[in-house]
Amino acid sequence: MDKKIPPHKEAAFQVINRQFTGDNAKQQCARLLQALKVFSINTFEASRGLGVYHPPARVLQLRKQGHDIVTVWQTIEAENGDKHRVGCYLLRSGVSHES
């Protein structure tokens, strides 16, 4: 239950944020998908590290595009010390099930 984003993810987020600029839903989905291709990501990390304003909505959009994203629950500690149950997302096999 760490309240900080791991350094390897922070570094990756910086690269991803430079690649996919903008705050519209399409760009948020692109940033989130790019991160999911490398590692699992929870809602805290997506929001803080990638500027994804509503991670569950972006995950739903990616699923509707055919991406096989699994959600597991984890408890994290926020900056203020409170514990929160958040979704942790994993792109299964890194493949899309688009038709």
PDB file of N, CA and C in Angstrom:
ATOM      1  N   MET A   1       0.834  -1.185   0.000  1.00  0.00           N
ATOM      2  CA  MET A   1       0.000   0.000   0.000  1.00  0.00           C
ATOM      3  C   MET A   1       0.874   1.243   0.000  1.00  0.00           C
ATOM      4  N   ASP A   2       1.402   1.564  -1.135  1.00  0.00           N
ATOM      5  CA  ASP A   2       2.298   2.706  -1.230  1.00  0.00           C
ATOM      6  C   ASP A   2       1.545   3.877  -1.833  1.00  0.00           C
ATOM      7  N   LYS A   3       1.766   5.067  -1.281  1.00  0.00           N
ATOM      8  CA  LYS A   3       1.068   6.237  -1.787  1.00  0.00           C
ATOM      9  C   LYS A   3       1.826   6.938  -2.909  1.00  0.00           C
ATOM     10  N   LYS A   4       2.951   6.388  -3.300  1.00  0.00           N
ATOM     11  CA  LYS A   4       3.733   6.982  -4.384  1.00  0.00           C
ATOM     12  C   LYS A   4       3.682   6.090  -5.612  1.00  0.00           C
ATOM     13  N   ILE A   5       3.802   6.719  -6.759  1.00  0.00           N
ATOM     14  CA  ILE A   5       3.900   5.965  -8.007  1.00  0.00           C
ATOM     15  C   ILE A   5       5.338   5.470  -8.122  1.00  0.00           C
ATOM     16  N   PRO A   6       5.534   4.189  -8.413  1.00  0.00           N
ATOM     17  CA  PRO A   6       6.898   3.647  -8.526  1.00  0.00           C
ATOM     18  C   PRO A   6       7.724   4.408  -9.571  1.00  0.00           C
ATOM     19  N   PRO A   7       9.022   4.581  -9.323  1.00  0.00           N
ATOM     20  CA  PRO A   7       9.883   5.351 -10.231  1.00  0.00           C
ATOM     21  C   PRO A   7       9.869   4.852 -11.677  1.00  0.00           C
ATOM     22  N   HIS A   8       9.832   3.537 -11.897  1.00  0.00           N
ATOM     23  CA  HIS A   8       9.830   3.037 -13.278  1.00  0.00           C
ATOM     24  C   HIS A   8       8.549   3.437 -14.008  1.00  0.00           C
ATOM     25  N   LYS A   9       7.443   3.531 -13.275  1.00  0.00           N
ATOM     26  CA  LYS A   9       6.195   3.972 -13.902  1.00  0.00           C
ATOM     27  C   LYS A   9       6.225   5.478 -14.140  1.00  0.00           C
ATOM     28  N   GLU A  10       6.750   6.232 -13.183  1.00  0.00           N
ATOM     29  CA  GLU A  10       6.870   7.690 -13.352  1.00  0.00           C
ATOM     30  C   GLU A  10       7.648   8.015 -14.619  1.00  0.00           C
ATOM     31  N   ALA A  11       8.756   7.322 -14.828  1.00  0.00           N
ATOM     32  CA  ALA A  11       9.579   7.560 -16.021  1.00  0.00           C
ATOM     33  C   ALA A  11       8.797   7.230 -17.284  1.00  0.00           C
ATOM     34  N   ALA A  12       8.085   6.114 -17.275  1.00  0.00           N
ATOM     35  CA  ALA A  12       7.285   5.728 -18.441  1.00  0.00           C
ATOM     36  C   ALA A  12       6.159   6.726 -18.681  1.00  0.00           C
ATOM     37  N   PHE A  13       5.522   7.203 -17.609  1.00  0.00           N
ATOM     38  CA  PHE A  13       4.438   8.168 -17.749  1.00  0.00           C
ATOM     39  C   PHE A  13       4.926   9.454 -18.408  1.00  0.00           C
ATOM     40  N   GLN A  14       6.121   9.895 -18.069  1.00  0.00           N
ATOM     41  CA  GLN A  14       6.660  11.110 -18.679  1.00  0.00           C
ATOM     42  C   GLN A  14       6.794  10.947 -20.187  1.00  0.00           C
ATOM     43  N   VAL A  15       7.288   9.800 -20.614  1.00  0.00           N
ATOM     44  CA  VAL A  15       7.432   9.530 -22.049  1.00  0.00           C
ATOM     45  C   VAL A  15       6.058   9.477 -22.713  1.00  0.00           C
ATOM     46  N   ILE A  16       5.129   8.750 -22.105  1.00  0.00           N
ATOM     47  CA  ILE A  16       3.778   8.604 -22.661  1.00  0.00           C
ATOM     48  C   ILE A  16       3.082   9.957 -22.736  1.00  0.00           C
ATOM     49  N   ASN A  17       3.202  10.775 -21.698  1.00  0.00           N
ATOM     50  CA  ASN A  17       2.552  12.090 -21.686  1.00  0.00           C
ATOM     51  C   ASN A  17       3.102  13.009 -22.771  1.00  0.00           C
ATOM     52  N   ARG A  18       4.381  12.853 -23.115  1.00  0.00           N
ATOM     53  CA  ARG A  18       4.950  13.647 -24.214  1.00  0.00           C
ATOM     54  C   ARG A  18       4.445  13.138 -25.566  1.00  0.00           C
ATOM     55  N   GLN A  19       4.216  11.834 -25.668  1.00  0.00           N
ATOM     56  CA  GLN A  19       3.746  11.240 -26.927  1.00  0.00           C
ATOM     57  C   GLN A  19       2.296  11.591 -27.223  1.00  0.00           C
ATOM     58  N   PHE A  20       1.458  11.573 -26.190  1.00  0.00           N
ATOM     59  CA  PHE A  20       0.019  11.747 -26.367  1.00  0.00           C
ATOM     60  C   PHE A  20      -0.442  12.940 -25.540  1.00  0.00           C
ATOM     61  N   THR A  21      -0.407  14.119 -26.141  1.00  0.00           N
ATOM     62  CA  THR A  21      -0.778  15.339 -25.433  1.00  0.00           C
ATOM     63  C   THR A  21      -2.268  15.611 -25.599  1.00  0.00           C
ATOM     64  N   GLY A  22      -2.790  16.462 -24.757  1.00  0.00           N
ATOM     65  CA  GLY A  22      -4.199  16.827 -24.832  1.00  0.00           C
ATOM     66  C   GLY A  22      -4.994  16.158 -23.732  1.00  0.00           C
ATOM     67  N   ASP A  23      -6.156  16.747 -23.444  1.00  0.00           N
ATOM     68  CA  ASP A  23      -6.959  16.213 -22.348  1.00  0.00           C
ATOM     69  C   ASP A  23      -8.290  15.631 -22.793  1.00  0.00           C
ATOM     70  N   ASN A  24      -8.496  15.487 -24.111  1.00  0.00           N
ATOM     71  CA  ASN A  24      -9.756  14.898 -24.555  1.00  0.00           C
ATOM     72  C   ASN A  24      -9.749  13.388 -24.306  1.00  0.00           C
ATOM     73  N   ALA A  25     -10.919  12.789 -24.356  1.00  0.00           N
ATOM     74  CA  ALA A  25     -11.066  11.364 -24.036  1.00  0.00           C
ATOM     75  C   ALA A  25     -10.210  10.484 -24.942  1.00  0.00           C
ATOM     76  N   LYS A  26     -10.099  10.845 -26.212  1.00  0.00           N
ATOM     77  CA  LYS A  26      -9.306  10.044 -27.148  1.00  0.00           C
ATOM     78  C   LYS A  26      -7.836   9.998 -26.720  1.00  0.00           C
ATOM     79  N   GLN A  27      -7.283  11.131 -26.344  1.00  0.00           N
ATOM     80  CA  GLN A  27      -5.883  11.181 -25.917  1.00  0.00           C
ATOM     81  C   GLN A  27      -5.684  10.485 -24.570  1.00  0.00           C
ATOM     82  N   GLN A  28      -6.654  10.627 -23.680  1.00  0.00           N
ATOM     83  CA  GLN A  28      -6.574   9.928 -22.400  1.00  0.00           C
ATOM     84  C   GLN A  28      -6.573   8.415 -22.623  1.00  0.00           C
ATOM     85  N   CYS A  29      -7.429   7.937 -23.527  1.00  0.00           N
ATOM     86  CA  CYS A  29      -7.458   6.504 -23.863  1.00  0.00           C
ATOM     87  C   CYS A  29      -6.127   6.067 -24.457  1.00  0.00           C
ATOM     88  N   ALA A  30      -5.562   6.891 -25.315  1.00  0.00           N
ATOM     89  CA  ALA A  30      -4.284   6.545 -25.946  1.00  0.00           C
ATOM     90  C   ALA A  30      -3.177   6.430 -24.899  1.00  0.00           C
ATOM     91  N   ARG A  31      -3.137   7.362 -23.955  1.00  0.00           N
ATOM     92  CA  ARG A  31      -2.127   7.298 -22.889  1.00  0.00           C
ATOM     93  C   ARG A  31      -2.318   6.059 -22.027  1.00  0.00           C
ATOM     94  N   LEU A  32      -3.561   5.793 -21.663  1.00  0.00           N
ATOM     95  CA  LEU A  32      -3.850   4.643 -20.813  1.00  0.00           C
ATOM     96  C   LEU A  32      -3.502   3.337 -21.522  1.00  0.00           C
ATOM     97  N   LEU A  33      -3.872   3.209 -22.779  1.00  0.00           N
ATOM     98  CA  LEU A  33      -3.568   1.993 -23.537  1.00  0.00           C
ATOM     99  C   LEU A  33      -2.064   1.797 -23.676  1.00  0.00           C
ATOM    100  N   GLN A  34      -1.348   2.862 -23.946  1.00  0.00           N
ATOM    101  CA  GLN A  34       0.112   2.763 -24.075  1.00  0.00           C
ATOM    102  C   GLN A  34       0.730   2.263 -22.772  1.00  0.00           C
ATOM    103  N   ALA A  35       0.256   2.776 -21.649  1.00  0.00           N
ATOM    104  CA  ALA A  35       0.765   2.327 -20.347  1.00  0.00           C
ATOM    105  C   ALA A  35       0.409   0.865 -20.099  1.00  0.00           C
ATOM    106  N   LEU A  36      -0.815   0.474 -20.447  1.00  0.00           N
ATOM    107  CA  LEU A  36      -1.252  -0.907 -20.231  1.00  0.00           C
ATOM    108  C   LEU A  36      -0.456  -1.911 -21.060  1.00  0.00           C
ATOM    109  N   LYS A  37       0.110  -1.459 -22.143  1.00  0.00           N
ATOM    110  CA  LYS A  37       0.940  -2.348 -22.966  1.00  0.00           C
ATOM    111  C   LYS A  37       2.251  -2.692 -22.266  1.00  0.00           C
ATOM    112  N   VAL A  38       2.605  -1.903 -21.243  1.00  0.00           N
ATOM    113  CA  VAL A  38       3.878  -2.081 -20.551  1.00  0.00           C
ATOM    114  C   VAL A  38       3.701  -2.695 -19.159  1.00  0.00           C
ATOM    115  N   PHE A  39       2.651  -2.277 -18.435  1.00  0.00           N
ATOM    116  CA  PHE A  39       2.447  -2.756 -17.066  1.00  0.00           C
ATOM    117  C   PHE A  39       0.999  -2.547 -16.647  1.00  0.00           C
ATOM    118  N   SER A  40       0.636  -3.157 -15.524  1.00  0.00           N
ATOM    119  CA  SER A  40      -0.692  -2.908 -14.964  1.00  0.00           C
ATOM    120  C   SER A  40      -0.692  -1.493 -14.381  1.00  0.00           C
ATOM    121  N   ILE A  41      -1.883  -0.926 -14.266  1.00  0.00           N
ATOM    122  CA  ILE A  41      -1.996   0.440 -13.759  1.00  0.00           C
ATOM    123  C   ILE A  41      -3.289   0.559 -12.967  1.00  0.00           C
ATOM    124  N   ASN A  42      -3.225   1.227 -11.828  1.00  0.00           N
ATOM    125  CA  ASN A  42      -4.451   1.409 -11.048  1.00  0.00           C
ATOM    126  C   ASN A  42      -5.031   2.801 -11.295  1.00  0.00           C
ATOM    127  N   THR A  43      -6.232   3.031 -10.767  1.00  0.00           N
ATOM    128  CA  THR A  43      -6.906   4.300 -11.027  1.00  0.00           C
ATOM    129  C   THR A  43      -6.122   5.490 -10.473  1.00  0.00           C
ATOM    130  N   PHE A  44      -5.478   5.305  -9.338  1.00  0.00           N
ATOM    131  CA  PHE A  44      -4.653   6.365  -8.751  1.00  0.00           C
ATOM    132  C   PHE A  44      -3.528   6.743  -9.714  1.00  0.00           C
ATOM    133  N   GLU A  45      -2.809   5.742 -10.222  1.00  0.00           N
ATOM    134  CA  GLU A  45      -1.685   5.991 -11.130  1.00  0.00           C
ATOM    135  C   GLU A  45      -2.157   6.619 -12.440  1.00  0.00           C
ATOM    136  N   ALA A  46      -3.281   6.135 -12.959  1.00  0.00           N
ATOM    137  CA  ALA A  46      -3.804   6.677 -14.216  1.00  0.00           C
ATOM    138  C   ALA A  46      -4.189   8.140 -14.059  1.00  0.00           C
ATOM    139  N   SER A  47      -4.813   8.448 -12.949  1.00  0.00           N
ATOM    140  CA  SER A  47      -5.238   9.815 -12.698  1.00  0.00           C
ATOM    141  C   SER A  47      -4.051  10.738 -12.439  1.00  0.00           C
ATOM    142  N   ARG A  48      -3.177  10.351 -11.514  1.00  0.00           N
ATOM    143  CA  ARG A  48      -2.053  11.201 -11.127  1.00  0.00           C
ATOM    144  C   ARG A  48      -0.939  11.216 -12.168  1.00  0.00           C
ATOM    145  N   GLY A  49      -0.626  10.051 -12.717  1.00  0.00           N
ATOM    146  CA  GLY A  49       0.521   9.951 -13.610  1.00  0.00           C
ATOM    147  C   GLY A  49       0.245  10.254 -15.065  1.00  0.00           C
ATOM    148  N   LEU A  50      -0.998   9.964 -15.504  1.00  0.00           N
ATOM    149  CA  LEU A  50      -1.313  10.131 -16.923  1.00  0.00           C
ATOM    150  C   LEU A  50      -2.359  11.205 -17.200  1.00  0.00           C
ATOM    151  N   GLY A  51      -2.888  11.824 -16.162  1.00  0.00           N
ATOM    152  CA  GLY A  51      -3.904  12.851 -16.373  1.00  0.00           C
ATOM    153  C   GLY A  51      -5.198  12.294 -16.934  1.00  0.00           C
ATOM    154  N   VAL A  52      -5.523  11.067 -16.578  1.00  0.00           N
ATOM    155  CA  VAL A  52      -6.784  10.454 -17.001  1.00  0.00           C
ATOM    156  C   VAL A  52      -7.816  10.817 -15.936  1.00  0.00           C
ATOM    157  N   TYR A  53      -8.804  11.639 -16.328  1.00  0.00           N
ATOM    158  CA  TYR A  53      -9.720  12.217 -15.351  1.00  0.00           C
ATOM    159  C   TYR A  53     -10.690  11.217 -14.747  1.00  0.00           C
ATOM    160  N   HIS A  54     -11.135  10.237 -15.509  1.00  0.00           N
ATOM    161  CA  HIS A  54     -12.053   9.216 -14.996  1.00  0.00           C
ATOM    162  C   HIS A  54     -11.605   7.872 -15.556  1.00  0.00           C
ATOM    163  N   PRO A  55     -10.607   7.261 -14.930  1.00  0.00           N
ATOM    164  CA  PRO A  55     -10.049   6.015 -15.462  1.00  0.00           C
ATOM    165  C   PRO A  55     -11.068   4.916 -15.782  1.00  0.00           C
ATOM    166  N   PRO A  56     -12.091   4.663 -14.917  1.00  0.00           N
ATOM    167  CA  PRO A  56     -13.038   3.599 -15.274  1.00  0.00           C
ATOM    168  C   PRO A  56     -13.763   3.856 -16.604  1.00  0.00           C
ATOM    169  N   ALA A  57     -14.067   5.112 -16.883  1.00  0.00           N
ATOM    170  CA  ALA A  57     -14.734   5.435 -18.149  1.00  0.00           C
ATOM    171  C   ALA A  57     -13.809   5.191 -19.338  1.00  0.00           C
ATOM    172  N   ARG A  58     -12.533   5.554 -19.193  1.00  0.00           N
ATOM    173  CA  ARG A  58     -11.575   5.321 -20.283  1.00  0.00           C
ATOM    174  C   ARG A  58     -11.355   3.824 -20.501  1.00  0.00           C
ATOM    175  N   VAL A  59     -11.309   3.049 -19.411  1.00  0.00           N
ATOM    176  CA  VAL A  59     -11.164   1.596 -19.533  1.00  0.00           C
ATOM    177  C   VAL A  59     -12.374   1.026 -20.270  1.00  0.00           C
ATOM    178  N   LEU A  60     -13.563   1.498 -19.940  1.00  0.00           N
ATOM    179  CA  LEU A  60     -14.770   1.038 -20.628  1.00  0.00           C
ATOM    180  C   LEU A  60     -14.696   1.355 -22.121  1.00  0.00           C
ATOM    181  N   GLN A  61     -14.235   2.547 -22.461  1.00  0.00           N
ATOM    182  CA  GLN A  61     -14.086   2.900 -23.876  1.00  0.00           C
ATOM    183  C   GLN A  61     -13.102   1.966 -24.573  1.00  0.00           C
ATOM    184  N   LEU A  62     -11.990   1.666 -23.923  1.00  0.00           N
ATOM    185  CA  LEU A  62     -11.002   0.758 -24.515  1.00  0.00           C
ATOM    186  C   LEU A  62     -11.578  -0.645 -24.670  1.00  0.00           C
ATOM    187  N   ARG A  63     -12.360  -1.087 -23.705  1.00  0.00           N
ATOM    188  CA  ARG A  63     -13.009  -2.400 -23.824  1.00  0.00           C
ATOM    189  C   ARG A  63     -13.975  -2.417 -25.000  1.00  0.00           C
ATOM    190  N   LYS A  64     -14.720  -1.337 -25.178  1.00  0.00           N
ATOM    191  CA  LYS A  64     -15.664  -1.255 -26.303  1.00  0.00           C
ATOM    192  C   LYS A  64     -14.936  -1.264 -27.642  1.00  0.00           C
ATOM    193  N   GLN A  65     -13.670  -0.840 -27.646  1.00  0.00           N
ATOM    194  CA  GLN A  65     -12.846  -0.893 -28.858  1.00  0.00           C
ATOM    195  C   GLN A  65     -12.294  -2.294 -29.090  1.00  0.00           C
ATOM    196  N   GLY A  66     -12.523  -3.204 -28.129  1.00  0.00           N
ATOM    197  CA  GLY A  66     -12.096  -4.580 -28.291  1.00  0.00           C
ATOM    198  C   GLY A  66     -10.905  -5.008 -27.462  1.00  0.00           C
ATOM    199  N   HIS A  67     -10.388  -4.135 -26.629  1.00  0.00           N
ATOM    200  CA  HIS A  67      -9.231  -4.488 -25.804  1.00  0.00           C
ATOM    201  C   HIS A  67      -9.679  -5.303 -24.593  1.00  0.00           C
ATOM    202  N   ASP A  68      -8.968  -6.378 -24.330  1.00  0.00           N
ATOM    203  CA  ASP A  68      -9.294  -7.289 -23.230  1.00  0.00           C
ATOM    204  C   ASP A  68      -8.578  -6.813 -21.968  1.00  0.00           C
ATOM    205  N   ILE A  69      -9.275  -6.003 -21.184  1.00  0.00           N
ATOM    206  CA  ILE A  69      -8.706  -5.410 -19.975  1.00  0.00           C
ATOM    207  C   ILE A  69      -9.397  -6.016 -18.759  1.00  0.00           C
ATOM    208  N   VAL A  70      -8.590  -6.546 -17.865  1.00  0.00           N
ATOM    209  CA  VAL A  70      -9.077  -7.175 -16.639  1.00  0.00           C
ATOM    210  C   VAL A  70      -8.956  -6.174 -15.493  1.00  0.00           C
ATOM    211  N   THR A  71      -9.929  -6.190 -14.593  1.00  0.00           N
ATOM    212  CA  THR A  71      -9.876  -5.356 -13.391  1.00  0.00           C
ATOM    213  C   THR A  71      -9.730  -6.244 -12.166  1.00  0.00           C
ATOM    214  N   VAL A  72      -8.772  -5.922 -11.333  1.00  0.00           N
ATOM    215  CA  VAL A  72      -8.647  -6.543 -10.010  1.00  0.00           C
ATOM    216  C   VAL A  72      -8.631  -5.404  -8.996  1.00  0.00           C
ATOM    217  N   TRP A  73      -9.033  -5.697  -7.786  1.00  0.00           N
ATOM    218  CA  TRP A  73      -9.117  -4.655  -6.773  1.00  0.00           C
ATOM    219  C   TRP A  73      -7.906  -4.693  -5.864  1.00  0.00           C
ATOM    220  N   GLN A  74      -7.446  -3.519  -5.485  1.00  0.00           N
ATOM    221  CA  GLN A  74      -6.336  -3.417  -4.551  1.00  0.00           C
ATOM    222  C   GLN A  74      -6.580  -2.231  -3.623  1.00  0.00           C
ATOM    223  N   THR A  75      -5.951  -2.262  -2.479  1.00  0.00           N
ATOM    224  CA  THR A  75      -6.059  -1.167  -1.521  1.00  0.00           C
ATOM    225  C   THR A  75      -4.762  -0.374  -1.566  1.00  0.00           C
ATOM    226  N   ILE A  76      -4.912   0.933  -1.715  1.00  0.00           N
ATOM    227  CA  ILE A  76      -3.740   1.810  -1.733  1.00  0.00           C
ATOM    228  C   ILE A  76      -3.884   2.848  -0.624  1.00  0.00           C
ATOM    229  N   GLU A  77      -2.792   3.477  -0.297  1.00  0.00           N
ATOM    230  CA  GLU A  77      -2.803   4.567   0.666  1.00  0.00           C
ATOM    231  C   GLU A  77      -2.602   5.870  -0.097  1.00  0.00           C
ATOM    232  N   ALA A  78      -3.530   6.802   0.066  1.00  0.00           N
ATOM    233  CA  ALA A  78      -3.454   8.095  -0.613  1.00  0.00           C
ATOM    234  C   ALA A  78      -2.472   9.014   0.105  1.00  0.00           C
ATOM    235  N   GLU A  79      -2.239  10.166  -0.495  1.00  0.00           N
ATOM    236  CA  GLU A  79      -1.293  11.125   0.061  1.00  0.00           C
ATOM    237  C   GLU A  79      -1.630  11.523   1.496  1.00  0.00           C
ATOM    238  N   ASN A  80      -2.921  11.576   1.820  1.00  0.00           N
ATOM    239  CA  ASN A  80      -3.337  11.994   3.162  1.00  0.00           C
ATOM    240  C   ASN A  80      -3.338  10.847   4.170  1.00  0.00           C
ATOM    241  N   GLY A  81      -2.942   9.659   3.734  1.00  0.00           N
ATOM    242  CA  GLY A  81      -2.873   8.512   4.628  1.00  0.00           C
ATOM    243  C   GLY A  81      -4.109   7.634   4.622  1.00  0.00           C
ATOM    244  N   ASP A  82      -5.193   8.103   4.000  1.00  0.00           N
ATOM    245  CA  ASP A  82      -6.410   7.294   3.921  1.00  0.00           C
ATOM    246  C   ASP A  82      -6.206   6.123   2.970  1.00  0.00           C
ATOM    247  N   LYS A  83      -6.828   5.016   3.301  1.00  0.00           N
ATOM    248  CA  LYS A  83      -6.758   3.835   2.443  1.00  0.00           C
ATOM    249  C   LYS A  83      -7.965   3.828   1.513  1.00  0.00           C
ATOM    250  N   HIS A  84      -7.734   3.469   0.259  1.00  0.00           N
ATOM    251  CA  HIS A  84      -8.787   3.435  -0.746  1.00  0.00           C
ATOM    252  C   HIS A  84      -8.719   2.130  -1.521  1.00  0.00           C
ATOM    253  N   ARG A  85      -9.881   1.594  -1.854  1.00  0.00           N
ATOM    254  CA  ARG A  85      -9.964   0.416  -2.712  1.00  0.00           C
ATOM    255  C   ARG A  85     -10.095   0.936  -4.141  1.00  0.00           C
ATOM    256  N   VAL A  86      -9.153   0.559  -4.983  1.00  0.00           N
ATOM    257  CA  VAL A  86      -9.136   1.062  -6.359  1.00  0.00           C
ATOM    258  C   VAL A  86      -9.021  -0.098  -7.337  1.00  0.00           C
ATOM    259  N   GLY A  87      -9.448   0.163  -8.552  1.00  0.00           N
ATOM    260  CA  GLY A  87      -9.291  -0.828  -9.602  1.00  0.00           C
ATOM    261  C   GLY A  87      -7.870  -0.811 -10.135  1.00  0.00           C
ATOM    262  N   CYS A  88      -7.350  -1.992 -10.394  1.00  0.00           N
ATOM    263  CA  CYS A  88      -6.048  -2.139 -11.034  1.00  0.00           C
ATOM    264  C   CYS A  88      -6.302  -2.847 -12.358  1.00  0.00           C
ATOM    265  N   TYR A  89      -5.861  -2.250 -13.448  1.00  0.00           N
ATOM    266  CA  TYR A  89      -6.179  -2.732 -14.786  1.00  0.00           C
ATOM    267  C   TYR A  89      -4.983  -3.423 -15.422  1.00  0.00           C
ATOM    268  N   LEU A  90      -5.279  -4.486 -16.142  1.00  0.00           N
ATOM    269  CA  LEU A  90      -4.262  -5.280 -16.817  1.00  0.00           C
ATOM    270  C   LEU A  90      -4.751  -5.609 -18.216  1.00  0.00           C
ATOM    271  N   LEU A  91      -3.942  -5.287 -19.210  1.00  0.00           N
ATOM    272  CA  LEU A  91      -4.262  -5.633 -20.592  1.00  0.00           C
ATOM    273  C   LEU A  91      -3.857  -7.082 -20.801  1.00  0.00           C
ATOM    274  N   ARG A  92      -4.843  -7.937 -20.993  1.00  0.00           N
ATOM    275  CA  ARG A  92      -4.576  -9.366 -21.115  1.00  0.00           C
ATOM    276  C   ARG A  92      -3.877  -9.665 -22.432  1.00  0.00           C
ATOM    277  N   SER A  93      -2.727 -10.271 -22.342  1.00  0.00           N
ATOM    278  CA  SER A  93      -1.924 -10.725 -23.482  1.00  0.00           C
ATOM    279  C   SER A  93      -1.489  -9.602 -24.407  1.00  0.00           C
ATOM    280  N   GLY A  94      -1.797  -8.366 -24.059  1.00  0.00           N
ATOM    281  CA  GLY A  94      -1.388  -7.253 -24.900  1.00  0.00           C
ATOM    282  C   GLY A  94      -2.033  -7.253 -26.269  1.00  0.00           C
ATOM    283  N   VAL A  95      -3.158  -7.977 -26.407  1.00  0.00           N
ATOM    284  CA  VAL A  95      -3.814  -8.064 -27.708  1.00  0.00           C
ATOM    285  C   VAL A  95      -5.193  -7.447 -27.647  1.00  0.00           C
ATOM    286  N   SER A  96      -5.666  -7.059 -28.792  1.00  0.00           N
ATOM    287  CA  SER A  96      -6.993  -6.499 -28.934  1.00  0.00           C
ATOM    288  C   SER A  96      -7.888  -7.543 -29.581  1.00  0.00           C
ATOM    289  N   HIS A  97      -9.159  -7.509 -29.232  1.00  0.00           N
ATOM    290  CA  HIS A  97     -10.128  -8.424 -29.832  1.00  0.00           C
ATOM    291  C   HIS A  97     -11.051  -7.646 -30.761  1.00  0.00           C
ATOM    292  N   GLU A  98     -10.471  -6.760 -31.538  1.00  0.00           N
ATOM    293  CA  GLU A  98     -11.259  -5.945 -32.453  1.00  0.00           C
ATOM    294  C   GLU A  98     -11.760  -6.803 -33.597  1.00  0.00           C
ATOM    295  N   SER A  99     -12.936  -6.444 -34.098  1.00  0.00           N
ATOM    296  CA  SER A  99     -13.479  -7.193 -35.236  1.00  0.00           C
ATOM    297  C   SER A  99     -13.161  -6.518 -36.544  1.00  0.00           C
TER     298      SER A  99
END
